[in-house]
Amino acid sequence: MLESILIVDDIPENLSLLHESLDQAGYQVLVATNGFTAIEIAHRSQPDMILLDGSMPEIDGFETCIQLKASPMTEHIPVIFMTGLTETEHIVKGFQVGGVDYVTKPLNIDEVQARVKTHLLQARLMHQQKQMLDATGSAILSMNMDGEIIWQTPVVQGLLTQHGIDITHFRKSINHWLKALFQQSYQEEMLHGQYGHGHQQLQLNLLTKLKEGQLPKHVLVQIKEQTHMPSVEEIAQACPNLTPREAEVMHWVTLGKTNRDIAEILELSPRTVNKHLEHVFEKLFVETRTAAVLHVMSACQN
């Protein structure tokens, strides 16, 4: 099936040039000469991408993009802005309203085709990833760095409804957790969080692999119902080679507490907590906090 591209421009010469080049490249090309028509065509035909002129009469490209992104039917379609407005504020505005990229006029056809190919591939991979995650039955959502949920698997809504969770508060809490994670230089202890209190706690797991110094555009977060966490006594019994203090530290680690949190709870220095964890890793033959938690949870269930 041919991938379709909607070109939106009020200048016939630009439409003709783009239509011919994209048609020769093997794409199905749709055309609109104003923002209102573009919105109508996008809803009816569901193109795979939109090339959108930033400067048009009546309704400009920026407002057109805002309306497209506000609709659940078209919010997922990647938009590349075409504009002769090379000033920084217009480029920034294009990204702020939801554009994924921009090209400047006069258009370089080779550049346009390269950018189109790249963003179509990214959109296709993301769509395939979403389909696979939907099929797993896992509660996974994708968020951008503003705390907005881009999409979620069907299980997420059921889980939040079951626990009576307010979605606005939930989004703010996850966003706060993500910001804290980035500020802590992606420390492993921060990759797992919690939401709620008492018996209504949900476990949050960051699935996106992070790179030092690189802020991702969006991340995947898994939500799981909080399972029973072993007590200090249960850990000590299941892992007899751990000292009482090490078992105590691991208890708080399984509850998702950071080293600083554990230090405050146990009235220790963070350095001492680190030392205890180093000894735990050696005794359990693991290298990370996550592996230690999995080992302890497994041992306590046997």
Protein backbone atom coordinates (compact mmCIF):
# COMPACT_ATOMS: atom_id res chain seq x y z
CA MET A 1 0.00 0.00 0.00
CA LEU A 2 1.37 3.41 -1.02
CA GLU A 3 2.14 5.88 1.74
CA SER A 4 0.17 9.09 1.27
CA ILE A 5 1.37 12.66 1.74
CA LEU A 6 -0.87 15.71 1.97
CA ILE A 7 0.71 18.90 0.55
CA VAL A 8 -0.78 22.15 1.80
CA ASP A 9 0.28 25.35 0.00
CA ASP A 10 -1.54 28.31 -1.57
CA ILE A 11 1.07 28.75 -4.32
CA PRO A 12 0.35 26.58 -7.42
CA GLU A 13 4.04 26.44 -8.45
CA ASN A 14 5.04 24.89 -5.13
CA LEU A 15 2.20 22.36 -5.30
CA SER A 16 3.17 21.36 -8.84
CA LEU A 17 6.85 20.93 -7.97
CA LEU A 18 6.18 18.86 -4.85
CA HIS A 19 3.39 16.82 -6.43
CA GLU A 20 5.58 15.77 -9.36
CA SER A 21 8.66 14.90 -7.27
CA LEU A 22 6.78 12.97 -4.57
CA ASP A 23 4.66 11.16 -7.15
CA GLN A 24 7.82 10.05 -8.96
CA ALA A 25 9.24 8.90 -5.61
CA GLY A 26 6.31 6.50 -5.24
CA TYR A 27 4.02 8.33 -2.82
CA GLN A 28 0.30 8.91 -3.15
CA VAL A 29 -0.06 12.70 -3.18
CA LEU A 30 -3.03 14.68 -1.85
CA VAL A 31 -3.33 18.45 -2.29
CA ALA A 32 -4.95 21.32 -0.37
CA THR A 33 -4.61 25.05 -1.04
CA ASN A 34 -5.72 26.29 2.41
CA GLY A 35 -5.81 25.22 6.03
CA PHE A 36 -9.54 24.51 6.25
CA THR A 37 -9.42 22.14 3.28
CA ALA A 38 -6.30 20.48 4.69
CA ILE A 39 -8.07 19.74 7.98
CA GLU A 40 -11.05 18.26 6.13
CA ILE A 41 -8.87 16.09 3.85
CA ALA A 42 -6.70 14.94 6.78
CA HIS A 43 -9.76 13.69 8.66
CA ARG A 44 -11.26 12.01 5.61
CA SER A 45 -8.16 10.46 4.04
CA GLN A 46 -5.81 9.96 7.01
CA PRO A 47 -2.53 10.72 5.18
CA ASP A 48 0.73 9.31 6.52
CA MET A 49 2.35 12.76 6.53
CA ILE A 50 1.50 16.42 5.95
CA LEU A 51 3.78 18.98 4.27
CA LEU A 52 2.33 22.26 5.52
CA ASP A 53 3.02 25.81 4.33
CA GLY A 54 3.53 28.08 7.32
CA SER A 55 2.25 31.27 5.67
CA MET A 56 -1.24 31.13 4.16
CA PRO A 57 -4.23 33.51 4.11
CA GLU A 58 -7.33 33.02 6.31
CA ILE A 59 -5.81 30.34 8.53
CA ASP A 60 -2.03 29.96 8.53
CA GLY A 61 -0.05 26.74 8.85
CA PHE A 62 0.57 27.15 12.56
CA GLU A 63 -3.13 27.41 13.42
CA THR A 64 -3.88 24.57 11.00
CA CYS A 65 -1.36 22.37 12.83
CA ILE A 66 -2.85 23.30 16.20
CA GLN A 67 -6.27 22.14 15.04
CA LEU A 68 -4.86 18.94 13.55
CA LYS A 69 -3.06 18.09 16.79
CA ALA A 70 -6.20 18.85 18.81
CA SER A 71 -8.17 16.15 17.00
CA PRO A 72 -7.80 12.50 18.11
CA MET A 73 -8.22 11.47 14.46
CA THR A 74 -5.27 13.51 13.13
CA GLU A 75 -3.01 14.18 16.12
CA HIS A 76 -0.74 11.26 15.21
CA ILE A 77 0.07 12.49 11.66
CA PRO A 78 3.61 13.94 11.44
CA VAL A 79 3.71 17.51 10.10
CA ILE A 80 6.70 19.05 8.30
CA PHE A 81 6.49 22.82 7.91
CA MET A 82 7.45 24.51 4.64
CA THR A 83 8.19 28.17 5.10
CA GLY A 84 10.20 31.07 3.83
CA LEU A 85 10.10 32.52 7.33
CA THR A 86 13.58 31.57 8.46
CA GLU A 87 13.51 33.70 11.61
CA THR A 88 14.19 31.65 14.72
CA GLU A 89 10.86 32.48 16.36
CA HIS A 90 8.91 31.01 13.45
CA ILE A 91 11.00 27.85 13.42
CA VAL A 92 10.46 27.46 17.16
CA LYS A 93 6.74 28.15 16.77
CA GLY A 94 6.50 25.32 14.25
CA PHE A 95 7.87 22.85 16.79
CA GLN A 96 5.74 24.30 19.59
CA VAL A 97 2.49 23.67 17.70
CA GLY A 98 3.43 20.04 16.99
CA GLY A 99 5.59 20.00 13.86
CA VAL A 100 8.29 17.34 13.66
CA ASP A 101 10.56 19.21 11.24
CA TYR A 102 10.76 22.10 8.77
CA VAL A 103 12.18 22.93 5.34
CA THR A 104 12.76 26.42 3.98
CA LYS A 105 11.77 27.93 0.66
CA PRO A 106 12.91 27.89 -2.06
CA LEU A 107 12.54 24.15 -1.59
CA ASN A 108 15.40 21.75 -2.14
CA ILE A 109 13.57 18.66 -3.42
CA ASP A 110 16.32 16.24 -2.41
CA GLU A 111 16.22 17.62 1.14
CA VAL A 112 12.43 17.45 1.26
CA GLN A 113 12.42 13.82 0.13
CA ALA A 114 15.13 12.88 2.64
CA ARG A 115 13.21 14.44 5.53
CA VAL A 116 9.95 12.90 4.38
CA LYS A 117 11.53 9.45 4.19
CA THR A 118 13.09 9.78 7.66
CA HIS A 119 9.92 10.91 9.42
CA LEU A 120 7.71 8.39 7.63
CA LEU A 121 10.04 5.64 8.83
CA GLN A 122 9.93 6.95 12.40
CA ALA A 123 6.13 7.17 12.30
CA ARG A 124 5.87 3.66 10.86
CA LEU A 125 8.16 2.19 13.53
CA MET A 126 6.25 3.95 16.29
CA HIS A 127 2.95 2.67 14.90
CA GLN A 128 4.30 -0.89 14.75
CA GLN A 129 5.64 -0.56 18.27
CA LYS A 130 2.26 0.64 19.50
CA GLN A 131 0.48 -2.27 17.79
CA MET A 132 2.83 -4.78 19.41
CA LEU A 133 2.38 -3.22 22.84
CA ASP A 134 -1.40 -3.14 22.43
CA ALA A 135 -1.30 -6.85 21.66
CA THR A 136 0.69 -7.73 24.79
CA GLY A 137 -2.04 -6.60 27.16
CA SER A 138 0.50 -4.61 29.17
CA ALA A 139 -0.28 -1.23 30.71
CA ILE A 140 2.20 0.96 28.82
CA LEU A 141 1.95 4.61 27.87
CA SER A 142 4.05 7.05 25.88
CA MET A 143 4.64 10.55 27.27
CA ASN A 144 6.42 13.61 25.97
CA MET A 145 8.65 15.76 28.13
CA ASP A 146 5.75 18.08 29.02
CA GLY A 147 3.96 15.24 30.79
CA GLU A 148 1.37 14.81 28.04
CA ILE A 149 0.26 11.26 27.22
CA ILE A 150 0.85 10.64 23.49
CA TRP A 151 -0.83 7.24 23.46
CA GLN A 152 -1.57 4.38 25.81
CA THR A 153 -2.43 0.71 25.56
CA PRO A 154 -6.07 -0.18 26.30
CA VAL A 155 -5.09 -1.74 29.64
CA VAL A 156 -3.92 1.61 31.05
CA GLN A 157 -7.35 3.22 31.25
CA GLY A 158 -8.84 0.13 32.87
CA LEU A 159 -6.10 0.06 35.48
CA LEU A 160 -6.47 3.75 36.32
CA THR A 161 -10.25 3.45 36.49
CA GLN A 162 -10.01 0.39 38.72
CA HIS A 163 -7.89 2.31 41.21
CA GLY A 164 -10.01 5.46 40.98
CA ILE A 165 -7.05 7.57 39.84
CA ASP A 166 -7.44 11.15 38.66
CA ILE A 167 -5.71 11.33 35.26
CA THR A 168 -4.59 14.96 35.66
CA HIS A 169 -2.90 14.29 38.99
CA PHE A 170 -1.46 11.06 37.61
CA ARG A 171 0.14 12.85 34.64
CA LYS A 172 1.62 15.53 36.89
CA SER A 173 3.07 12.90 39.23
CA ILE A 174 4.70 10.94 36.40
CA ASN A 175 6.08 14.16 34.92
CA HIS A 176 7.57 15.08 38.31
CA TRP A 177 9.14 11.61 38.55
CA LEU A 178 10.63 11.89 35.06
CA LYS A 179 12.06 15.35 35.75
CA ALA A 180 13.62 14.10 38.99
CA LEU A 181 15.10 11.18 37.06
CA PHE A 182 16.71 13.43 34.45
CA GLN A 183 18.07 15.75 37.14
CA GLN A 184 19.69 12.75 38.84
CA SER A 185 21.68 11.89 35.68
CA TYR A 186 19.56 8.79 34.97
CA GLN A 187 20.61 6.92 38.11
CA GLU A 188 19.34 3.36 38.02
CA GLU A 189 17.67 3.69 41.39
CA MET A 190 15.33 6.27 39.85
CA LEU A 191 14.16 4.09 36.94
CA HIS A 192 11.37 2.66 39.08
CA GLY A 193 8.79 4.84 40.78
CA GLN A 194 5.50 4.56 42.59
CA TYR A 195 2.14 6.27 42.44
CA GLY A 196 -0.55 6.24 45.09
CA HIS A 197 -0.51 5.22 48.71
CA GLY A 198 -1.35 2.30 50.97
CA HIS A 199 -2.86 -0.61 49.09
CA GLN A 200 -3.61 1.55 46.05
CA GLN A 201 -0.01 1.85 44.90
CA LEU A 202 1.01 1.40 41.30
CA GLN A 203 4.56 0.61 40.24
CA LEU A 204 6.09 2.72 37.45
CA ASN A 205 8.89 1.34 35.28
CA LEU A 206 10.75 3.43 32.71
CA LEU A 207 11.17 1.27 29.59
CA THR A 208 12.99 3.78 27.39
CA LYS A 209 16.74 3.38 27.34
CA LEU A 210 18.25 6.73 28.25
CA LYS A 211 21.55 8.18 27.10
CA GLU A 212 23.62 10.53 29.21
CA GLY A 213 23.21 14.12 28.05
CA GLN A 214 20.42 13.32 25.56
CA LEU A 215 16.85 14.23 26.42
CA PRO A 216 14.37 11.99 24.55
CA LYS A 217 11.31 13.45 22.85
CA HIS A 218 9.08 10.87 24.48
CA VAL A 219 9.43 7.90 26.82
CA LEU A 220 7.64 4.63 27.45
CA VAL A 221 6.39 3.95 30.97
CA GLN A 222 4.99 0.64 32.19
CA ILE A 223 2.37 0.64 34.95
CA LYS A 224 1.92 -2.41 37.16
CA GLU A 225 -0.18 -3.12 40.19
CA GLN A 226 2.01 -3.10 43.25
CA THR A 227 2.73 -6.65 44.32
CA HIS A 228 3.38 -7.65 47.90
CA MET A 229 6.81 -6.43 48.91
CA PRO A 230 8.73 -8.67 51.31
CA SER A 231 9.35 -7.50 54.85
CA VAL A 232 12.80 -7.21 56.40
CA GLU A 233 12.24 -10.53 58.19
CA GLU A 234 11.16 -12.29 54.97
CA ILE A 235 14.25 -11.01 53.14
CA ALA A 236 16.55 -12.06 55.97
CA GLN A 237 15.03 -15.53 55.98
CA ALA A 238 15.12 -15.96 52.20
CA CYS A 239 18.67 -14.55 51.88
CA PRO A 240 20.45 -15.73 55.04
CA ASN A 241 23.86 -14.51 53.79
CA LEU A 242 22.69 -10.89 54.17
CA THR A 243 23.24 -9.07 57.46
CA PRO A 244 20.17 -7.64 59.26
CA ARG A 245 21.13 -4.13 58.09
CA GLU A 246 21.59 -5.30 54.48
CA ALA A 247 18.18 -6.98 54.58
CA GLU A 248 16.73 -3.74 55.91
CA VAL A 249 18.32 -1.73 53.10
CA MET A 250 17.02 -4.20 50.50
CA HIS A 251 13.52 -3.96 51.94
CA TRP A 252 13.45 -0.24 51.19
CA VAL A 253 15.05 -0.79 47.80
CA THR A 254 12.19 -3.13 46.83
CA LEU A 255 9.79 -0.35 47.82
CA GLY A 256 11.40 1.92 45.23
CA LYS A 257 13.24 4.19 47.66
CA THR A 258 16.36 6.00 46.50
CA ASN A 259 19.66 5.77 48.35
CA ARG A 260 19.07 9.24 49.78
CA ASP A 261 15.58 8.22 50.97
CA ILE A 262 16.95 5.07 52.61
CA ALA A 263 19.71 7.05 54.31
CA GLU A 264 17.12 9.39 55.85
CA ILE A 265 14.80 6.55 56.90
CA LEU A 266 17.57 4.50 58.53
CA GLU A 267 19.48 7.58 59.76
CA LEU A 268 22.59 6.62 57.83
CA SER A 269 24.80 8.51 55.42
CA PRO A 270 24.18 7.93 51.69
CA ARG A 271 27.76 6.67 51.49
CA THR A 272 26.99 3.96 54.06
CA VAL A 273 23.87 2.92 52.14
CA ASN A 274 25.98 2.63 48.98
CA LYS A 275 28.44 0.39 50.83
CA HIS A 276 25.65 -1.86 52.10
CA LEU A 277 24.32 -2.20 48.56
CA GLU A 278 27.77 -3.04 47.21
CA HIS A 279 27.95 -5.89 49.74
CA VAL A 280 24.43 -7.03 48.80
CA PHE A 281 25.39 -7.14 45.10
CA GLU A 282 28.46 -9.25 45.90
CA LYS A 283 26.53 -11.69 48.08
CA LEU A 284 23.65 -12.08 45.61
CA PHE A 285 25.99 -12.24 42.58
CA VAL A 286 24.22 -9.35 40.83
CA GLU A 287 25.42 -6.04 39.41
CA THR A 288 22.41 -3.71 39.58
CA ARG A 289 19.59 -2.68 41.91
CA THR A 290 17.01 -4.09 39.51
CA ALA A 291 18.72 -7.48 39.47
CA ALA A 292 18.98 -7.43 43.28
CA VAL A 293 15.26 -6.68 43.63
CA LEU A 294 14.34 -9.49 41.21
CA HIS A 295 16.61 -11.90 43.10
CA VAL A 296 15.11 -10.99 46.47
CA MET A 297 11.51 -11.11 45.20
CA SER A 298 12.11 -14.53 43.64
CA ALA A 299 13.80 -15.88 46.77
CA CYS A 300 10.95 -14.69 49.00
CA GLN A 301 8.33 -16.33 46.79
CA ASN A 302 9.99 -19.75 46.92
